[in-house]
Amino acid sequence: MNLQKAQNRINELMSNFVTQVKGSTAMGQTDINRVSETVLIPLFSEIFGYRKLRNLNFSERQNFPGIDLADDSSHVAVQITSTPTGEKMKETLRKFTDHQMFKKYDRLIIYILTEKQKSYASDTLKQIVGSSFSFNPEKDILDYRDLLNMIASFQIDKAMTIQNILEANFADGKFPLLTIDHEKPTEKVYLNLLEITFPDTLYIAELLTDEKPSPKKSRSRMKAPAFPNKPPTTAREKVQAALAELGLKFSMDWEAYENQIITFHDLGDHSLSLSQIVDQGTVTTLNPEEFYGIDENYERVFKSFLGRCMQQKLYRRQVQWQNKEKLFIFCEVDGLPERIEKWSTDNREYPRTVYQRTMKNNKPDEILQCKHLAFRTQYKYYDNRWYVLIKPEWFFSRDGYRKDFFSSDSIDWLKKKERNSHVANHLSFIAHFLKYDNPPDLLKGDTFYPFLKFGSLASFDTAPALDDQSWNPSDDKEDGDTMNGINNPLLFEI
């Protein structure tokens, strides 16, 4: 049937679309979202019937807070993003409500260019919007699968129209406006994937239960419950409560699941605090692959465990995990108002300001704002190798940790000033910082963390060469580092 053929072709072309976005996102191509905004206009117009949909970033020559497309006659706004996290959803809704965009648009659609999460915290999202407008995560957070479900009910004429739109953009398997002539010279391209290695031995053991009391547990060592207001519910909370009950503490680089603990620390070492709350008869050693290779659930647990190890490693180097925002932030050192890290490339050393504290003019003893270089991480397993995916970010705090009220506006302003070269420079610095640990110093304390080591950024040599100044010219006379005010070189293409 012609209808079935059209639906199959639409499915294939939409898959090309999503694959292109995933690949470009992994390579750090920050312009991919803007190109997608233009491509989606005719598609959304046909599927949803929004005939006057336009790109606000082009038509209004500025970024609208929280939205990219809009149809004023239908009173609908659309945010396009490749970031599917709950934090991104909350950030979008906060911007939309804080700037009172709901007065002009009755509905906000958040379209995920890749794949949305299985679920979102509906109560939290609805709490953000309050009574200002109606937002249903199940109906208003969409990805390509939702579009395909809608298209499946269309008649042949409408399905063919959608197919033609997709054919025009994705028939050759390449993203529009990014088509490359492969006969041109090639250049080396670095991805934002940093290879990560860890020990060959993973320790696993079962937690002690009430039926298996610790032989070293005594009344004199029992402390107040770790969770006095409520009993521990998660596996991690149960471990923390068990440690607290014995008056013990331990670092964060372990993970708990199904009444078991996994860690790179030797759980058979009786001097280890963590060993006091596990059944010594169950201590087992595994090659990490024997654990994460079982299935997707075990791989997910192992990724979470790597994240805990990363927190511990960076904590020793004054890079703190901002739990609410789910990112790492460079913090102050020795109470100084500015932190400068030195790093080298091409046999040259550069200073990098990673933290700045600004005081109020009228109240010099009070903090106005703290600016932090920051980054997000994900853990990926490709071709039998582990990588940490690094996404450079900025963070503004009011006290060195807690998010400043104007943080989002400050970040928006800063990102408008940045170009791909700045992002590349940030990424290269962060990769260098992770790879080259500070050497142990007996006077200042040993900052070396033994369980995680990093290699180089993943790269390939066959990317078609691009003239950066031709396709992405600088708006400023000096296209330098935005935090240092110096003209650092572009270290790699993204």
Protein backbone atom coordinates (compact mmCIF):
# COMPACT_ATOMS: atom_id res chain seq x y z
CA MET A 1 0.00 0.00 0.00
CA ASN A 2 1.20 3.51 -0.80
CA LEU A 3 0.29 4.74 2.68
CA GLN A 4 2.39 2.07 4.34
CA LYS A 5 5.34 2.85 2.07
CA ALA A 6 5.07 6.54 2.95
CA GLN A 7 4.93 5.75 6.67
CA ASN A 8 7.98 3.49 6.43
CA ARG A 9 9.92 6.15 4.55
CA ILE A 10 8.91 8.82 7.07
CA ASN A 11 10.14 6.57 9.87
CA GLU A 12 13.47 6.11 8.07
CA LEU A 13 13.93 9.83 7.44
CA MET A 14 13.03 10.81 11.00
CA SER A 15 15.61 8.29 12.19
CA ASN A 16 18.19 10.03 9.97
CA PHE A 17 17.21 13.33 11.58
CA VAL A 18 17.66 12.02 15.13
CA THR A 19 20.92 10.24 14.29
CA GLN A 20 22.37 13.44 12.82
CA VAL A 21 21.43 15.39 15.96
CA LYS A 22 22.95 12.77 18.27
CA GLY A 23 26.18 12.73 16.31
CA SER A 24 26.46 16.51 16.13
CA THR A 25 25.69 16.83 19.84
CA ALA A 26 28.40 14.29 20.70
CA MET A 27 30.85 16.33 18.60
CA GLY A 28 29.89 19.52 20.44
CA GLN A 29 28.39 21.24 17.39
CA THR A 30 26.37 23.86 19.20
CA ASP A 31 24.77 25.25 16.03
CA ILE A 32 22.80 22.06 15.45
CA ASN A 33 19.82 23.25 17.51
CA ARG A 34 19.46 26.45 15.52
CA VAL A 35 19.46 24.57 12.23
CA SER A 36 16.86 22.18 13.64
CA GLU A 37 14.59 25.09 14.56
CA THR A 38 14.35 26.09 10.90
CA VAL A 39 13.86 22.52 9.66
CA LEU A 40 11.05 21.81 12.12
CA ILE A 41 8.89 24.79 11.14
CA PRO A 42 7.29 23.24 8.00
CA LEU A 43 7.10 19.85 9.76
CA PHE A 44 5.25 21.23 12.79
CA SER A 45 3.06 23.39 10.57
CA GLU A 46 1.84 20.31 8.72
CA ILE A 47 1.52 17.99 11.72
CA PHE A 48 -0.03 20.40 14.22
CA GLY A 49 -1.64 22.85 11.81
CA TYR A 50 0.35 25.85 13.08
CA ARG A 51 0.46 27.65 9.75
CA LYS A 52 2.02 30.88 11.05
CA LEU A 53 4.83 29.25 12.99
CA ARG A 54 8.04 31.29 12.83
CA ASN A 55 11.56 31.20 14.26
CA LEU A 56 11.78 33.89 16.92
CA ASN A 57 15.57 33.86 16.95
CA PHE A 58 15.58 34.98 13.30
CA SER A 59 12.41 37.04 12.94
CA GLU A 60 12.90 39.00 16.15
CA ARG A 61 16.71 39.02 15.96
CA GLN A 62 17.05 38.00 19.59
CA ASN A 63 16.62 35.00 21.86
CA PHE A 64 13.26 34.71 23.52
CA PRO A 65 13.50 33.34 27.07
CA GLY A 66 12.54 29.67 27.06
CA ILE A 67 11.14 29.48 23.51
CA ASP A 68 12.43 29.24 19.92
CA LEU A 69 9.33 28.99 17.69
CA ALA A 70 5.90 30.56 18.02
CA ASP A 71 2.56 30.88 16.25
CA ASP A 72 0.92 34.08 17.52
CA SER A 73 -2.44 33.29 15.95
CA SER A 74 -2.60 29.88 17.65
CA HIS A 75 -0.98 31.24 20.85
CA VAL A 76 1.53 28.38 20.89
CA ALA A 77 5.25 28.52 21.71
CA VAL A 78 7.84 25.78 21.12
CA GLN A 79 11.20 25.20 22.79
CA ILE A 80 13.67 23.07 20.78
CA THR A 81 16.41 21.28 22.74
CA SER A 82 18.69 18.26 22.48
CA THR A 83 18.93 18.04 26.31
CA PRO A 84 16.21 15.71 27.67
CA THR A 85 16.91 16.04 31.40
CA GLY A 86 14.37 17.02 34.02
CA GLU A 87 16.58 19.96 34.98
CA LYS A 88 16.35 21.31 31.43
CA MET A 89 12.55 21.03 31.55
CA LYS A 90 12.44 22.93 34.84
CA GLU A 91 14.80 25.59 33.54
CA THR A 92 12.65 26.12 30.43
CA LEU A 93 9.45 26.42 32.45
CA ARG A 94 11.04 28.83 34.91
CA LYS A 95 12.17 31.13 32.10
CA PHE A 96 8.77 30.93 30.43
CA THR A 97 6.94 31.85 33.64
CA ASP A 98 9.47 34.36 35.02
CA HIS A 99 9.25 36.38 31.79
CA GLN A 100 5.45 35.96 31.73
CA MET A 101 5.45 34.51 28.22
CA PHE A 102 2.17 32.80 29.12
CA LYS A 103 0.40 36.14 28.67
CA LYS A 104 1.01 35.80 24.93
CA TYR A 105 1.10 32.01 24.50
CA ASP A 106 -1.43 29.61 26.01
CA ARG A 107 0.57 26.46 25.32
CA LEU A 108 4.26 25.61 25.55
CA ILE A 109 5.60 22.57 23.70
CA ILE A 110 9.07 21.31 24.56
CA TYR A 111 10.43 19.24 21.67
CA ILE A 112 13.40 16.96 22.35
CA LEU A 113 15.58 16.53 19.27
CA THR A 114 16.96 13.22 20.52
CA GLU A 115 14.85 11.10 22.90
CA LYS A 116 12.94 12.25 25.94
CA GLN A 117 13.14 10.47 29.29
CA LYS A 118 10.65 7.76 30.15
CA SER A 119 9.02 10.06 32.68
CA TYR A 120 9.30 13.48 34.29
CA ALA A 121 8.33 14.74 37.74
CA SER A 122 4.88 16.02 36.79
CA ASP A 123 4.10 17.49 40.20
CA THR A 124 7.37 19.45 40.25
CA LEU A 125 6.86 20.83 36.74
CA LYS A 126 3.25 21.75 37.43
CA GLN A 127 4.34 23.45 40.64
CA ILE A 128 6.71 25.68 38.67
CA VAL A 129 4.00 26.92 36.29
CA GLY A 130 1.35 27.12 39.02
CA SER A 131 -1.90 28.53 37.73
CA SER A 132 -0.28 30.72 35.09
CA PHE A 133 -0.96 28.22 32.30
CA SER A 134 -1.63 24.52 31.77
CA PHE A 135 1.35 22.22 31.20
CA ASN A 136 1.05 18.44 30.89
CA PRO A 137 4.45 16.67 30.58
CA GLU A 138 2.84 13.69 28.85
CA LYS A 139 1.32 15.85 26.11
CA ASP A 140 3.63 18.87 26.00
CA ILE A 141 7.08 17.21 26.14
CA LEU A 142 7.52 15.51 22.76
CA ASP A 143 10.14 13.75 20.67
CA TYR A 144 10.21 12.09 17.25
CA ARG A 145 8.26 9.06 18.51
CA ASP A 146 5.29 11.27 19.38
CA LEU A 147 5.40 12.78 15.90
CA LEU A 148 5.47 9.32 14.31
CA ASN A 149 2.45 8.26 16.40
CA MET A 150 0.51 11.27 15.13
CA ILE A 151 1.61 10.76 11.54
CA ALA A 152 0.44 7.12 11.68
CA SER A 153 -3.18 8.35 11.70
CA PHE A 154 -2.81 10.65 8.66
CA GLN A 155 -4.27 9.92 5.25
CA ILE A 156 -2.04 9.37 2.22
CA ASP A 157 -2.12 12.99 0.98
CA LYS A 158 -0.96 14.43 4.30
CA ALA A 159 1.57 11.65 4.83
CA MET A 160 3.06 12.33 1.38
CA THR A 161 3.37 16.05 2.22
CA ILE A 162 5.32 15.21 5.37
CA GLN A 163 7.47 12.72 3.48
CA ASN A 164 8.33 15.41 0.91
CA ILE A 165 9.40 17.80 3.69
CA LEU A 166 11.67 15.15 5.17
CA GLU A 167 13.00 14.06 1.77
CA ALA A 168 14.07 17.61 1.03
CA ASN A 169 16.10 17.78 4.23
CA PHE A 170 17.31 14.26 5.03
CA ALA A 171 17.08 12.10 1.91
CA ASP A 172 20.87 12.04 1.49
CA GLY A 173 21.44 11.21 5.15
CA LYS A 174 23.08 14.58 5.81
CA PHE A 175 21.90 17.45 7.91
CA PRO A 176 20.73 20.51 5.95
CA LEU A 177 23.14 23.45 5.91
CA LEU A 178 25.87 21.11 7.15
CA THR A 179 26.38 19.10 3.94
CA ILE A 180 30.07 18.54 3.30
CA ASP A 181 32.01 17.90 0.11
CA HIS A 182 34.11 14.85 0.93
CA GLU A 183 36.55 15.57 -1.89
CA LYS A 184 37.95 18.53 0.02
CA PRO A 185 40.99 18.20 2.32
CA THR A 186 40.37 16.62 5.71
CA GLU A 187 41.36 17.69 9.20
CA LYS A 188 41.53 16.21 12.67
CA VAL A 189 38.41 16.60 14.80
CA TYR A 190 38.23 16.14 18.56
CA LEU A 191 35.06 14.94 20.26
CA ASN A 192 33.99 15.88 23.79
CA LEU A 193 34.64 12.29 24.88
CA LEU A 194 37.57 11.78 27.25
CA GLU A 195 38.80 8.21 27.67
CA ILE A 196 38.60 6.97 31.25
CA THR A 197 40.31 3.97 32.87
CA PHE A 198 39.92 2.36 36.28
CA PRO A 199 41.25 -0.65 38.26
CA ASP A 200 40.77 -4.20 37.01
CA THR A 201 39.33 -5.29 40.37
CA LEU A 202 35.88 -4.40 41.63
CA TYR A 203 34.85 -5.38 45.17
CA ILE A 204 31.29 -6.40 45.93
CA ALA A 205 29.70 -7.53 49.21
CA GLU A 206 26.32 -7.84 50.89
CA LEU A 207 25.27 -5.43 53.59
CA LEU A 208 24.93 -6.74 57.10
CA THR A 209 21.32 -7.19 58.20
CA ASP A 210 19.74 -7.32 61.64
CA GLU A 211 20.10 -11.10 61.49
CA LYS A 212 23.85 -10.71 60.88
CA PRO A 213 25.10 -8.19 63.47
CA SER A 214 28.55 -6.72 63.10
CA PRO A 215 31.00 -8.35 65.48
CA LYS A 216 32.53 -4.94 66.22
CA LYS A 217 29.21 -3.25 66.96
CA SER A 218 28.76 -2.18 70.58
CA ARG A 219 26.41 0.06 72.52
CA SER A 220 29.18 2.53 73.24
CA ARG A 221 29.71 3.12 69.52
CA MET A 222 26.05 3.51 68.58
CA LYS A 223 25.09 7.02 67.53
CA ALA A 224 21.87 8.86 66.76
CA PRO A 225 20.12 7.77 63.56
CA ALA A 226 21.45 9.39 60.38
CA PHE A 227 17.87 10.18 59.30
CA PRO A 228 16.06 11.23 62.51
CA ASN A 229 12.95 12.55 60.77
CA LYS A 230 12.34 9.59 58.48
CA PRO A 231 13.69 6.09 58.04
CA PRO A 232 16.19 5.55 55.18
CA THR A 233 14.47 4.46 52.00
CA THR A 234 17.09 4.28 49.25
CA ALA A 235 19.93 1.76 49.23
CA ARG A 236 22.45 4.57 49.64
CA GLU A 237 20.60 6.03 52.62
CA LYS A 238 20.62 2.60 54.29
CA VAL A 239 24.40 2.37 53.93
CA GLN A 240 24.84 5.89 55.31
CA ALA A 241 22.55 5.06 58.23
CA ALA A 242 24.50 1.88 58.98
CA LEU A 243 27.77 3.83 59.04
CA ALA A 244 26.30 6.57 61.23
CA GLU A 245 24.96 4.01 63.69
CA LEU A 246 28.54 2.83 64.27
CA GLY A 247 29.87 6.38 64.40
CA LEU A 248 31.76 5.86 61.16
CA LYS A 249 32.26 7.92 58.04
CA PHE A 250 33.47 7.02 54.56
CA SER A 251 34.14 8.74 51.25
CA MET A 252 31.47 8.83 48.55
CA ASP A 253 33.10 6.52 45.98
CA TRP A 254 30.85 3.47 46.32
CA GLU A 255 27.42 2.48 45.05
CA ALA A 256 24.66 0.42 46.66
CA TYR A 257 22.07 -1.75 44.96
CA GLU A 258 20.01 -4.80 45.91
CA ASN A 259 21.45 -4.86 49.47
CA GLN A 260 25.00 -4.91 48.09
CA ILE A 261 27.90 -2.47 47.86
CA ILE A 262 30.33 -2.10 44.96
CA THR A 263 33.58 -0.15 45.22
CA PHE A 264 37.21 -0.12 44.14
CA HIS A 265 38.22 -0.10 47.81
CA ASP A 266 39.22 -3.45 49.29
CA LEU A 267 36.18 -4.51 51.32
CA GLY A 268 38.27 -7.28 52.88
CA ASP A 269 40.47 -4.68 54.58
CA HIS A 270 39.20 -4.59 58.18
CA SER A 271 40.67 -1.13 58.73
CA LEU A 272 38.27 0.23 56.12
CA SER A 273 35.14 1.82 57.61
CA LEU A 274 32.97 0.47 54.81
CA SER A 275 34.08 -3.09 55.57
CA GLN A 276 32.45 -2.85 59.03
CA ILE A 277 28.93 -2.85 57.59
CA VAL A 278 29.27 -5.69 55.06
CA ASP A 279 29.16 -9.44 55.54
CA GLN A 280 32.82 -10.46 55.18
CA GLY A 281 31.78 -13.90 54.04
CA THR A 282 30.24 -12.39 50.90
CA VAL A 283 33.17 -10.20 49.80
CA THR A 284 33.84 -11.00 46.13
CA THR A 285 36.21 -9.60 43.54
CA LEU A 286 35.18 -9.17 39.92
CA ASN A 287 36.58 -7.69 36.78
CA PRO A 288 34.41 -4.58 36.25
CA GLU A 289 33.22 -5.96 32.89
CA GLU A 290 31.82 -9.01 34.69
CA PHE A 291 29.55 -6.57 36.51
CA TYR A 292 28.51 -3.92 33.98
CA GLY A 293 28.33 -6.49 31.18
CA ILE A 294 25.45 -8.41 32.80
CA ASP A 295 22.68 -6.21 31.41
CA GLU A 296 21.58 -2.58 31.01
CA ASN A 297 20.56 -2.27 34.67
CA TYR A 298 24.01 -3.28 35.91
CA GLU A 299 25.62 -0.95 33.38
CA ARG A 300 23.44 1.87 34.70
CA VAL A 301 24.54 1.10 38.28
CA PHE A 302 28.18 1.09 37.18
CA LYS A 303 27.78 4.47 35.46
CA SER A 304 26.34 5.88 38.67
CA PHE A 305 29.30 4.39 40.54
CA LEU A 306 31.76 6.07 38.15
CA GLY A 307 29.99 9.34 38.84
CA ARG A 308 30.54 8.85 42.58
CA CYS A 309 34.24 8.17 41.97
CA MET A 310 34.46 11.33 39.87
CA GLN A 311 32.89 13.33 42.73
CA GLN A 312 35.49 11.99 45.14
CA LYS A 313 38.38 12.63 42.75
CA LEU A 314 37.35 16.23 42.07
CA TYR A 315 36.44 16.97 45.69
CA ARG A 316 40.14 16.55 46.49
CA ARG A 317 40.91 19.21 43.91
CA GLN A 318 38.36 21.81 45.07
CA VAL A 319 35.88 21.07 42.29
CA GLN A 320 32.56 20.53 43.98
CA TRP A 321 29.49 18.57 42.92
CA GLN A 322 26.52 20.96 42.84
CA ASN A 323 23.87 18.37 43.53
CA LYS A 324 20.80 20.46 42.77
CA GLU A 325 22.10 21.56 39.36
CA LYS A 326 23.85 18.21 38.66
CA LEU A 327 27.16 19.70 37.58
CA PHE A 328 30.73 20.18 38.80
CA ILE A 329 31.82 23.70 39.73
CA PHE A 330 35.31 25.08 40.32
CA CYS A 331 35.37 26.58 43.83
CA GLU A 332 37.50 29.08 45.69
CA VAL A 333 40.85 28.03 47.14
CA ASP A 334 42.25 29.34 50.45
CA GLY A 335 39.48 31.94 50.68
CA LEU A 336 40.91 33.97 47.79
CA PRO A 337 38.52 36.01 45.60
CA GLU A 338 39.99 34.55 42.41
CA ARG A 339 41.26 31.12 41.42
CA ILE A 340 43.66 30.73 38.52
CA GLU A 341 44.71 27.34 37.16
CA LYS A 342 47.70 26.99 34.87
CA TRP A 343 47.58 24.61 31.93
CA SER A 344 49.76 24.04 28.93
CA THR A 345 49.36 23.19 25.26
CA ASP A 346 51.77 23.38 22.33
CA ASN A 347 54.60 23.81 24.88
CA ARG A 348 53.04 27.04 26.08
CA GLU A 349 51.48 27.68 29.47
CA TYR A 350 48.25 29.60 29.90
CA PRO A 351 46.49 30.96 32.98
CA ARG A 352 42.81 30.12 33.30
CA THR A 353 40.57 31.93 35.77
CA VAL A 354 38.04 29.35 36.92
CA TYR A 355 36.48 31.21 39.86
CA GLN A 356 35.81 34.88 40.60
CA ARG A 357 34.08 36.44 43.57
CA THR A 358 32.56 39.91 43.19
CA MET A 359 31.57 42.02 46.20
CA LYS A 360 28.83 44.65 46.37
CA ASN A 361 30.00 48.21 45.73
CA ASN A 362 27.86 49.72 48.48
CA LYS A 363 28.49 46.82 50.89
CA PRO A 364 32.04 45.59 50.28
CA ASP A 365 31.69 42.91 52.97
CA GLU A 366 28.78 41.23 51.16
CA ILE A 367 29.07 38.97 48.13
CA LEU A 368 27.31 40.16 44.99
CA GLN A 369 27.95 37.06 42.89
CA CYS A 370 30.44 34.24 42.36
CA LYS A 371 31.28 33.08 38.85
CA HIS A 372 32.34 29.46 38.34
CA LEU A 373 33.60 27.56 35.34
CA ALA A 374 31.57 24.33 35.44
CA PHE A 375 30.84 21.18 33.48
CA ARG A 376 28.40 18.30 33.23
CA THR A 377 29.37 14.68 32.73
CA GLN A 378 27.92 11.48 31.31
CA TYR A 379 29.56 8.08 31.10
CA LYS A 380 29.57 6.23 27.78
CA TYR A 381 30.73 2.76 26.74
CA TYR A 382 31.79 2.58 23.09
CA ASP A 383 33.82 -0.11 21.32
CA ASN A 384 34.92 -1.77 24.58
CA ARG A 385 36.16 1.54 25.99
CA TRP A 386 34.77 3.86 28.63
CA TYR A 387 34.53 7.61 28.10
CA VAL A 388 33.32 10.55 30.10
CA LEU A 389 31.33 12.98 27.97
CA ILE A 390 32.12 16.54 29.07
CA LYS A 391 29.84 19.50 28.50
CA PRO A 392 31.36 22.84 29.58
CA GLU A 393 29.01 25.15 31.44
CA TRP A 394 28.95 28.27 33.60
CA PHE A 395 27.49 28.61 37.07
CA PHE A 396 26.80 31.67 39.20
CA SER A 397 26.38 31.33 42.96
CA ARG A 398 25.52 33.71 45.75
CA ASP A 399 27.91 32.20 48.29
CA GLY A 400 30.29 29.90 46.42
CA TYR A 401 27.81 27.01 46.16
CA ARG A 402 24.12 27.93 46.20
CA LYS A 403 22.72 29.10 42.87
CA ASP A 404 22.38 32.85 42.46
CA PHE A 405 18.88 34.17 41.74
CA PHE A 406 20.09 35.79 38.50
CA SER A 407 22.25 32.83 37.46
CA SER A 408 20.17 31.89 34.41
CA ASP A 409 20.19 35.44 33.05
CA SER A 410 23.94 35.74 33.61
CA ILE A 411 24.56 32.45 31.81
CA ASP A 412 22.30 33.43 28.91
CA TRP A 413 24.21 36.69 28.47
CA LEU A 414 27.55 34.91 28.67
CA LYS A 415 26.61 32.21 26.15
CA LYS A 416 25.47 34.84 23.65
CA LYS A 417 29.00 36.23 23.76
CA GLU A 418 30.64 32.83 23.29
CA ARG A 419 31.36 31.02 20.06
CA ASN A 420 32.36 27.45 19.27
CA SER A 421 36.02 28.37 19.76
CA HIS A 422 35.30 29.37 23.37
CA VAL A 423 33.49 26.11 24.07
CA ALA A 424 36.35 24.18 22.48
CA ASN A 425 38.83 26.05 24.65
CA HIS A 426 36.85 25.35 27.83
CA LEU A 427 36.62 21.66 26.92
CA SER A 428 40.33 21.37 26.23
CA PHE A 429 41.18 22.97 29.56
CA ILE A 430 38.81 20.69 31.50
CA ALA A 431 40.24 17.61 29.76
CA HIS A 432 43.77 18.77 30.65
CA PHE A 433 42.74 19.43 34.26
CA LEU A 434 41.28 15.93 34.60
CA LYS A 435 44.17 14.17 32.88
CA TYR A 436 46.98 15.81 34.81
CA ASP A 437 46.41 15.45 38.54
CA ASN A 438 48.33 17.67 40.91
CA PRO A 439 51.29 15.69 42.27
CA PRO A 440 51.05 14.57 45.91
CA ASP A 441 52.29 17.20 48.33
CA LEU A 442 53.12 16.06 51.84
CA LEU A 443 52.75 19.59 53.20
CA LYS A 444 49.40 20.43 51.63
CA GLY A 445 47.96 16.92 51.68
CA ASP A 446 47.81 14.22 49.03
CA THR A 447 45.32 15.20 46.32
CA PHE A 448 46.01 12.21 44.09
CA TYR A 449 43.04 9.90 43.57
CA PRO A 450 44.17 6.42 42.46
CA PHE A 451 41.02 4.87 41.00
CA LEU A 452 40.29 7.06 37.94
CA LYS A 453 42.72 8.00 35.21
CA PHE A 454 42.05 9.84 31.97
CA GLY A 455 43.51 9.62 28.50
CA SER A 456 43.04 11.98 25.59
CA LEU A 457 39.96 13.37 23.89
CA ALA A 458 38.59 11.00 21.26
CA SER A 459 39.34 12.13 17.73
CA PHE A 460 39.28 11.11 14.08
CA ASP A 461 41.34 12.34 11.13
CA THR A 462 38.90 12.14 8.24
CA ALA A 463 36.62 15.13 8.84
CA PRO A 464 36.33 17.48 5.83
CA ALA A 465 38.30 20.67 6.48
CA LEU A 466 36.25 23.80 7.12
CA ASP A 467 37.28 27.44 6.88
CA ASP A 468 36.03 28.59 10.26
CA GLN A 469 36.19 32.29 9.46
CA SER A 470 34.09 31.80 6.33
CA TRP A 471 31.21 29.74 7.75
CA ASN A 472 31.30 31.05 11.33
CA PRO A 473 33.02 34.46 11.41
CA SER A 474 33.63 36.25 14.69
CA ASP A 475 31.39 39.17 15.64
CA ASP A 476 34.13 40.68 17.78
CA LYS A 477 37.56 41.97 16.94
CA GLU A 478 39.01 39.76 19.64
CA ASP A 479 37.57 36.27 19.73
CA GLY A 480 39.36 35.39 22.96
CA ASP A 481 38.64 33.62 26.18
CA THR A 482 35.61 35.21 27.85
CA MET A 483 36.78 34.72 31.40
CA ASN A 484 40.41 35.69 31.06
CA GLY A 485 40.17 38.39 28.42
CA ILE A 486 43.09 36.81 26.53
CA ASN A 487 43.20 35.48 23.02
CA ASN A 488 43.68 31.75 23.57
CA PRO A 489 44.10 29.66 20.41
CA LEU A 490 41.40 27.40 19.01
CA LEU A 491 42.68 24.00 20.03
CA PHE A 492 40.36 21.82 18.00
CA GLU A 493 37.40 21.95 15.67
CA ILE A 494 33.86 21.24 16.86
